[in-house]
Protein backbone atom coordinates (compact mmCIF):
# COMPACT_ATOMS: atom_id res chain seq x y z
CA MET A 1 19.26 114.51 90.43
CA LYS A 2 23.44 115.81 91.79
CA LEU A 3 24.77 112.34 92.98
CA ASN A 4 27.59 113.69 95.09
CA LEU A 5 29.76 109.75 94.38
CA GLN A 6 32.78 110.18 96.57
CA THR A 7 36.41 108.47 97.03
CA GLY A 8 37.61 106.95 99.81
CA LYS A 9 41.06 107.48 101.36
CA LYS A 10 43.48 106.16 100.08
CA VAL A 11 44.54 103.57 101.70
CA ARG A 12 48.51 104.56 104.09
CA ILE A 13 50.69 102.65 105.21
CA GLU A 14 51.58 104.66 108.76
CA MET A 15 54.99 104.91 108.88
CA LEU A 16 55.22 106.11 112.91
CA PRO A 17 54.35 102.86 114.28
CA LEU A 18 56.55 101.12 112.00
CA ILE A 19 59.83 103.01 113.62
CA ASP A 20 58.70 102.19 117.17
CA ILE A 21 58.43 98.52 116.86
CA VAL A 22 61.69 98.24 114.80
CA PHE A 23 63.13 100.61 117.06
CA LEU A 24 62.40 98.23 120.12
CA LEU A 25 63.63 95.34 118.46
CA LEU A 26 66.50 96.81 117.68
CA VAL A 27 67.45 97.55 121.67
CA PHE A 28 65.95 94.34 122.33
CA PHE A 29 68.97 92.57 120.83
CA ILE A 30 72.05 94.60 121.33
CA TYR A 31 70.55 94.12 124.80
CA ALA A 32 70.86 90.42 124.62
CA MET A 33 74.02 90.98 122.70
CA LEU A 34 75.21 92.63 126.34
CA SER A 35 73.69 90.83 128.65
CA MET A 36 75.68 88.03 127.19
CA ALA A 37 78.95 87.87 129.26
CA VAL A 38 81.87 86.50 128.23
CA HIS A 39 83.61 86.75 131.43
CA ARG A 40 82.84 83.79 134.16
CA GLY A 41 85.45 83.71 136.77
CA LEU A 42 85.76 87.01 139.95
CA SER A 43 85.44 90.53 140.29
CA ILE A 44 88.99 91.45 140.36
CA ASN A 45 90.75 94.83 139.17
CA LEU A 46 91.79 94.62 135.91
CA PRO A 47 94.36 96.68 133.92
CA SER A 48 93.46 99.44 131.19
CA SER A 49 94.44 98.65 127.94
CA SER A 50 93.49 101.21 124.56
CA ALA A 51 93.36 97.81 122.26
CA ALA A 52 91.20 95.78 124.65
CA GLU A 53 89.23 93.21 122.80
CA ILE A 54 86.70 89.96 124.09
CA GLU A 55 87.41 86.88 122.67
CA LYS A 56 84.71 85.15 122.18
CA LYS A 57 85.64 81.47 120.94
CA LEU A 58 87.72 80.03 123.81
CA VAL A 59 86.51 77.63 126.03
CA LEU A 60 88.36 78.13 129.92
CA SER A 61 88.47 81.35 132.28
CA VAL A 62 91.48 81.47 134.73
CA THR A 63 91.42 84.62 136.96
CA VAL A 64 94.56 85.16 139.26
CA THR A 65 93.53 87.97 142.18
CA ALA A 66 95.14 89.85 144.19
CA ASP A 67 96.17 87.89 146.54
CA GLY A 68 97.88 85.00 144.51
CA SER A 69 95.09 82.50 144.13
CA VAL A 70 94.07 80.97 141.14
CA TRP A 71 90.52 80.25 140.34
CA ILE A 72 89.80 78.12 136.96
CA ASP A 73 85.33 79.36 136.04
CA LYS A 74 84.72 80.16 139.99
CA THR A 75 86.60 77.67 141.29
CA ARG A 76 89.79 77.40 143.13
CA ILE A 77 92.67 75.77 142.45
CA PRO A 78 96.31 75.51 144.02
CA LEU A 79 98.62 76.46 141.46
CA GLU A 80 100.40 72.85 141.17
CA ASN A 81 97.24 71.56 139.79
CA LEU A 82 96.49 73.95 137.55
CA ALA A 83 97.80 72.62 134.64
CA GLN A 84 96.13 69.09 135.78
CA GLN A 85 93.09 70.42 135.74
CA LEU A 86 93.19 72.96 132.86
CA ARG A 87 93.77 69.61 130.96
CA LYS A 88 91.47 67.68 132.32
CA GLN A 89 88.15 71.00 131.37
CA ALA A 90 89.55 70.78 129.01
CA LYS A 91 89.14 67.33 126.96
CA GLY A 92 87.04 66.56 123.98
CA HIS A 93 86.92 70.77 122.71
CA ILE A 94 88.86 71.41 119.73
CA ASP A 95 92.02 73.67 119.59
CA PRO A 96 90.99 75.81 123.35
CA GLY A 97 92.02 78.32 125.20
CA VAL A 98 92.15 80.19 127.76
CA LEU A 99 90.98 83.66 128.74
CA LEU A 100 93.81 84.89 131.41
CA PHE A 101 92.13 88.01 133.88
CA ALA A 102 94.91 88.71 136.19
CA ASP A 103 94.97 91.13 139.14
CA ARG A 104 96.89 94.55 137.89
CA SER A 105 98.36 94.61 142.05
CA LEU A 106 99.32 91.01 140.89
CA SER A 107 103.72 90.69 141.03
CA TYR A 108 104.60 90.41 137.34
CA GLN A 109 106.99 86.96 138.40
CA LYS A 110 103.03 85.71 139.99
CA LEU A 111 101.86 85.71 136.47
CA PHE A 112 103.98 83.97 135.07
CA GLN A 113 104.52 80.92 136.74
CA VAL A 114 100.74 81.01 135.66
CA LEU A 115 101.19 81.35 131.82
CA ASP A 116 103.53 78.70 132.19
CA ARG A 117 101.46 76.32 133.89
CA ILE A 118 98.74 77.37 131.48
CA GLN A 119 101.27 76.14 128.79
CA GLN A 120 102.56 72.75 130.86
CA ALA A 121 99.09 72.19 129.91
CA GLY A 122 99.06 72.26 126.01
CA PHE A 123 97.63 75.90 125.64
CA GLU A 124 98.65 76.91 122.53
CA LYS A 125 96.07 80.17 122.96
CA ILE A 126 96.29 81.75 125.71
CA SER A 127 94.45 85.45 125.75
CA LEU A 128 95.24 88.23 128.86
CA GLN A 129 92.45 90.57 129.46
CA ALA A 130 92.20 93.68 130.39
CA GLU A 131 89.40 96.73 130.90
CA ALA A 132 89.48 98.62 127.88
CA GLU A 133 90.42 102.30 128.34
CA SER A 134 88.20 105.49 129.10
CA ARG A 135 89.28 108.24 126.86
């Protein structure tokens, strides 16, 4: 009598579902990183720069709109009170900095008035923000 002994198939790990899961995780983490926006200020037209980078270590966001109004995060502040308000909001932070978002149509003089007030508040790290140039 002849016995037909079948040896079972070798166990395989299918790679396609594993690759799908890895790509899904990759997309999830990329989307999560992109949704963590740094800018907490208002929407303005920033100047463009080919070397623009996002500073993530800084604490406060100052926005100067085209009409010259000054905002800290989303709170409007008179220019005269800017230094005092920045000092007040920076208490408790070690070596804080400022992200400065200025509209591209803002006059140079107004920009320097805001920069002077920020320096009067004692901030040494001031980052002028710009949009990356489209190539």
